[in-house]
N, C-alpha and C. Protein backbone atom coordinates (compact mmCIF):
# COMPACT_ATOMS: atom_id res chain seq x y z
N MET A 1 -141.11 -139.94 -102.27
CA MET A 1 -140.90 -139.95 -100.85
C MET A 1 -141.88 -140.93 -100.22
N CYS A 2 -141.40 -141.70 -99.27
CA CYS A 2 -142.24 -142.65 -98.55
C CYS A 2 -142.59 -142.09 -97.18
N LEU A 3 -143.81 -142.29 -96.78
CA LEU A 3 -144.24 -141.90 -95.44
C LEU A 3 -144.56 -143.15 -94.65
N ALA A 4 -144.09 -143.20 -93.43
CA ALA A 4 -144.35 -144.34 -92.55
C ALA A 4 -145.07 -143.84 -91.32
N VAL A 5 -146.02 -144.62 -90.86
CA VAL A 5 -146.85 -144.27 -89.70
C VAL A 5 -146.45 -145.15 -88.52
N PRO A 6 -146.29 -144.57 -87.33
CA PRO A 6 -145.98 -145.39 -86.16
C PRO A 6 -147.22 -146.16 -85.70
N ALA A 7 -147.01 -147.39 -85.29
CA ALA A 7 -148.11 -148.23 -84.81
C ALA A 7 -147.58 -149.19 -83.76
N LYS A 8 -148.47 -149.57 -82.83
CA LYS A 8 -148.09 -150.50 -81.78
C LYS A 8 -148.64 -151.88 -82.11
N ILE A 9 -147.80 -152.90 -81.98
CA ILE A 9 -148.23 -154.27 -82.23
C ILE A 9 -149.07 -154.74 -81.05
N VAL A 10 -150.31 -155.15 -81.34
CA VAL A 10 -151.23 -155.61 -80.29
C VAL A 10 -151.47 -157.11 -80.36
N GLU A 11 -151.08 -157.72 -81.46
CA GLU A 11 -151.20 -159.18 -81.62
C GLU A 11 -150.19 -159.58 -82.69
N ILE A 12 -149.58 -160.74 -82.50
CA ILE A 12 -148.59 -161.17 -83.48
C ILE A 12 -148.76 -162.65 -83.77
N ASP A 13 -148.62 -163.02 -85.03
CA ASP A 13 -148.69 -164.42 -85.45
C ASP A 13 -147.36 -164.76 -86.11
N GLU A 14 -146.47 -165.35 -85.34
CA GLU A 14 -145.13 -165.65 -85.84
C GLU A 14 -145.15 -166.67 -86.98
N ALA A 15 -146.15 -167.53 -87.01
CA ALA A 15 -146.23 -168.55 -88.06
C ALA A 15 -146.47 -167.94 -89.44
N THR A 16 -147.21 -166.84 -89.48
CA THR A 16 -147.53 -166.21 -90.77
C THR A 16 -146.81 -164.87 -90.98
N PHE A 17 -145.94 -164.51 -90.03
CA PHE A 17 -145.22 -163.23 -90.10
C PHE A 17 -146.19 -162.06 -90.24
N SER A 18 -147.31 -162.14 -89.51
CA SER A 18 -148.29 -161.05 -89.56
C SER A 18 -148.57 -160.55 -88.15
N ALA A 19 -149.15 -159.36 -88.09
CA ALA A 19 -149.46 -158.77 -86.80
C ALA A 19 -150.68 -157.88 -86.94
N SER A 20 -151.38 -157.71 -85.83
CA SER A 20 -152.42 -156.68 -85.73
C SER A 20 -151.77 -155.49 -85.04
N ILE A 21 -152.03 -154.31 -85.58
CA ILE A 21 -151.44 -153.10 -85.02
C ILE A 21 -152.53 -152.09 -84.69
N ASP A 22 -152.20 -151.22 -83.76
CA ASP A 22 -153.06 -150.09 -83.42
C ASP A 22 -152.43 -148.85 -84.02
N VAL A 23 -153.13 -148.28 -84.99
CA VAL A 23 -152.67 -147.05 -85.64
C VAL A 23 -153.65 -145.95 -85.29
N MET A 24 -153.30 -145.14 -84.32
CA MET A 24 -154.14 -144.02 -83.90
C MET A 24 -155.56 -144.47 -83.61
N GLY A 25 -155.70 -145.61 -82.93
CA GLY A 25 -157.00 -146.12 -82.55
C GLY A 25 -157.65 -147.05 -83.55
N ASN A 26 -157.04 -147.27 -84.69
CA ASN A 26 -157.57 -148.17 -85.71
C ASN A 26 -156.73 -149.45 -85.73
N ILE A 27 -157.39 -150.60 -85.74
CA ILE A 27 -156.69 -151.88 -85.77
C ILE A 27 -156.57 -152.34 -87.22
N ARG A 28 -155.36 -152.71 -87.61
CA ARG A 28 -155.07 -153.17 -88.97
C ARG A 28 -154.17 -154.39 -88.91
N LYS A 29 -154.17 -155.18 -89.98
CA LYS A 29 -153.26 -156.32 -90.13
C LYS A 29 -152.11 -155.90 -91.04
N ILE A 30 -150.90 -156.29 -90.67
CA ILE A 30 -149.73 -155.98 -91.48
C ILE A 30 -148.80 -157.19 -91.53
N SER A 31 -147.81 -157.10 -92.37
CA SER A 31 -146.73 -158.09 -92.42
C SER A 31 -145.57 -157.60 -91.56
N VAL A 32 -144.98 -158.51 -90.81
CA VAL A 32 -143.78 -158.18 -90.04
C VAL A 32 -142.57 -158.97 -90.56
N MET A 33 -142.66 -159.43 -91.79
CA MET A 33 -141.59 -160.24 -92.38
C MET A 33 -140.26 -159.48 -92.42
N LEU A 34 -140.30 -158.16 -92.62
CA LEU A 34 -139.07 -157.36 -92.71
C LEU A 34 -138.50 -156.98 -91.35
N THR A 35 -139.26 -157.25 -90.28
CA THR A 35 -138.83 -156.86 -88.93
C THR A 35 -138.97 -158.05 -87.99
N PRO A 36 -138.13 -159.07 -88.14
CA PRO A 36 -138.25 -160.26 -87.30
C PRO A 36 -138.04 -159.98 -85.81
N GLU A 37 -137.43 -158.84 -85.48
CA GLU A 37 -137.22 -158.49 -84.08
C GLU A 37 -138.46 -157.89 -83.42
N ALA A 38 -139.50 -157.60 -84.20
CA ALA A 38 -140.74 -157.02 -83.66
C ALA A 38 -141.45 -158.04 -82.77
N LYS A 39 -141.89 -157.58 -81.63
CA LYS A 39 -142.58 -158.42 -80.65
C LYS A 39 -143.88 -157.75 -80.22
N LEU A 40 -144.72 -158.48 -79.52
CA LEU A 40 -145.95 -157.93 -78.96
C LEU A 40 -145.59 -156.71 -78.11
N GLY A 41 -146.26 -155.60 -78.36
CA GLY A 41 -145.99 -154.37 -77.63
C GLY A 41 -144.96 -153.46 -78.28
N SER A 42 -144.27 -153.95 -79.31
CA SER A 42 -143.28 -153.13 -80.02
C SER A 42 -143.96 -152.03 -80.81
N TRP A 43 -143.27 -150.91 -80.95
CA TRP A 43 -143.67 -149.86 -81.88
C TRP A 43 -142.94 -150.10 -83.19
N VAL A 44 -143.67 -150.01 -84.29
CA VAL A 44 -143.07 -150.17 -85.61
C VAL A 44 -143.50 -149.03 -86.52
N LEU A 45 -142.68 -148.76 -87.52
CA LEU A 45 -143.08 -147.84 -88.58
C LEU A 45 -143.66 -148.68 -89.70
N VAL A 46 -144.84 -148.27 -90.18
CA VAL A 46 -145.57 -149.06 -91.18
C VAL A 46 -145.69 -148.26 -92.48
N HIS A 47 -145.38 -148.94 -93.57
CA HIS A 47 -145.54 -148.36 -94.90
C HIS A 47 -146.07 -149.45 -95.82
N ALA A 48 -147.16 -149.17 -96.51
CA ALA A 48 -147.74 -150.08 -97.51
C ALA A 48 -148.00 -151.48 -96.94
N GLY A 49 -148.50 -151.52 -95.71
CA GLY A 49 -148.87 -152.81 -95.12
C GLY A 49 -147.72 -153.62 -94.57
N GLN A 50 -146.54 -153.00 -94.49
CA GLN A 50 -145.34 -153.68 -94.01
C GLN A 50 -144.74 -152.91 -92.83
N ALA A 51 -144.37 -153.62 -91.78
CA ALA A 51 -143.55 -153.00 -90.74
C ALA A 51 -142.15 -152.90 -91.32
N ILE A 52 -141.61 -151.68 -91.35
CA ILE A 52 -140.30 -151.50 -91.99
C ILE A 52 -139.19 -151.20 -90.99
N ASN A 53 -139.57 -150.90 -89.74
CA ASN A 53 -138.56 -150.61 -88.73
C ASN A 53 -139.20 -150.68 -87.35
N VAL A 54 -138.45 -151.18 -86.38
CA VAL A 54 -138.88 -151.14 -84.98
C VAL A 54 -138.28 -149.88 -84.37
N VAL A 55 -139.12 -149.11 -83.65
CA VAL A 55 -138.65 -147.85 -83.05
C VAL A 55 -138.94 -147.84 -81.56
N SER A 56 -138.26 -146.95 -80.86
CA SER A 56 -138.45 -146.82 -79.42
C SER A 56 -139.78 -146.11 -79.12
N ASP A 57 -140.21 -146.21 -77.87
CA ASP A 57 -141.42 -145.50 -77.44
C ASP A 57 -141.29 -144.00 -77.71
N GLU A 58 -140.12 -143.45 -77.42
CA GLU A 58 -139.90 -142.01 -77.60
C GLU A 58 -140.00 -141.61 -79.07
N GLU A 59 -139.39 -142.39 -79.94
CA GLU A 59 -139.46 -142.10 -81.38
C GLU A 59 -140.90 -142.19 -81.88
N ALA A 60 -141.63 -143.20 -81.42
CA ALA A 60 -143.02 -143.38 -81.85
C ALA A 60 -143.87 -142.21 -81.39
N ARG A 61 -143.71 -141.80 -80.14
CA ARG A 61 -144.51 -140.68 -79.62
C ARG A 61 -144.20 -139.38 -80.36
N ALA A 62 -142.93 -139.13 -80.63
CA ALA A 62 -142.56 -137.93 -81.38
C ALA A 62 -143.17 -137.94 -82.78
N SER A 63 -143.12 -139.07 -83.44
CA SER A 63 -143.71 -139.20 -84.77
C SER A 63 -145.23 -139.03 -84.72
N LEU A 64 -145.87 -139.63 -83.72
CA LEU A 64 -147.33 -139.49 -83.57
C LEU A 64 -147.73 -138.03 -83.37
N GLU A 65 -146.95 -137.29 -82.60
CA GLU A 65 -147.26 -135.87 -82.39
C GLU A 65 -147.22 -135.12 -83.71
N ILE A 66 -146.24 -135.41 -84.54
CA ILE A 66 -146.15 -134.75 -85.85
C ILE A 66 -147.34 -135.14 -86.72
N TRP A 67 -147.69 -136.43 -86.76
CA TRP A 67 -148.85 -136.87 -87.55
C TRP A 67 -150.12 -136.18 -87.08
N GLU A 68 -150.32 -136.11 -85.75
CA GLU A 68 -151.53 -135.48 -85.22
C GLU A 68 -151.58 -134.00 -85.59
N GLU A 69 -150.44 -133.33 -85.55
CA GLU A 69 -150.38 -131.92 -85.96
C GLU A 69 -150.72 -131.77 -87.44
N LEU A 70 -150.16 -132.63 -88.28
CA LEU A 70 -150.47 -132.58 -89.71
C LEU A 70 -151.95 -132.81 -89.97
N LEU A 71 -152.54 -133.77 -89.28
CA LEU A 71 -153.96 -134.06 -89.47
C LEU A 71 -154.84 -132.91 -88.99
N ARG A 72 -154.45 -132.27 -87.88
CA ARG A 72 -155.19 -131.09 -87.40
C ARG A 72 -155.13 -129.98 -88.42
N ASP A 73 -153.92 -129.72 -88.94
CA ASP A 73 -153.76 -128.65 -89.94
C ASP A 73 -154.57 -128.93 -91.19
N GLU A 74 -154.62 -130.19 -91.62
CA GLU A 74 -155.37 -130.55 -92.82
C GLU A 74 -156.87 -130.31 -92.62
N GLN A 75 -157.37 -130.52 -91.42
CA GLN A 75 -158.80 -130.32 -91.15
C GLN A 75 -159.19 -128.85 -91.20
N GLN A 76 -158.22 -127.96 -91.07
CA GLN A 76 -158.51 -126.52 -91.12
C GLN A 76 -158.79 -126.04 -92.53
N PHE A 77 -158.39 -126.82 -93.54
CA PHE A 77 -158.58 -126.40 -94.93
C PHE A 77 -159.90 -126.81 -95.44
């Protein structure tokens, strides 16, 4: 099973098909080669350093809520 994390594109370099993303407050570099429709400000699902899908604000927020809940539950153990 693959898990993808929602992230917002905060910088994009179209020449290298790369982007900087904000993942829960952490800035990372990823490839956007698989999502040519991704633009600055887009929400994407990220897996293994690749943006694999562009999602709506609503989808991203719903996914983030689930991730935050999972992380909270994990801290209880």
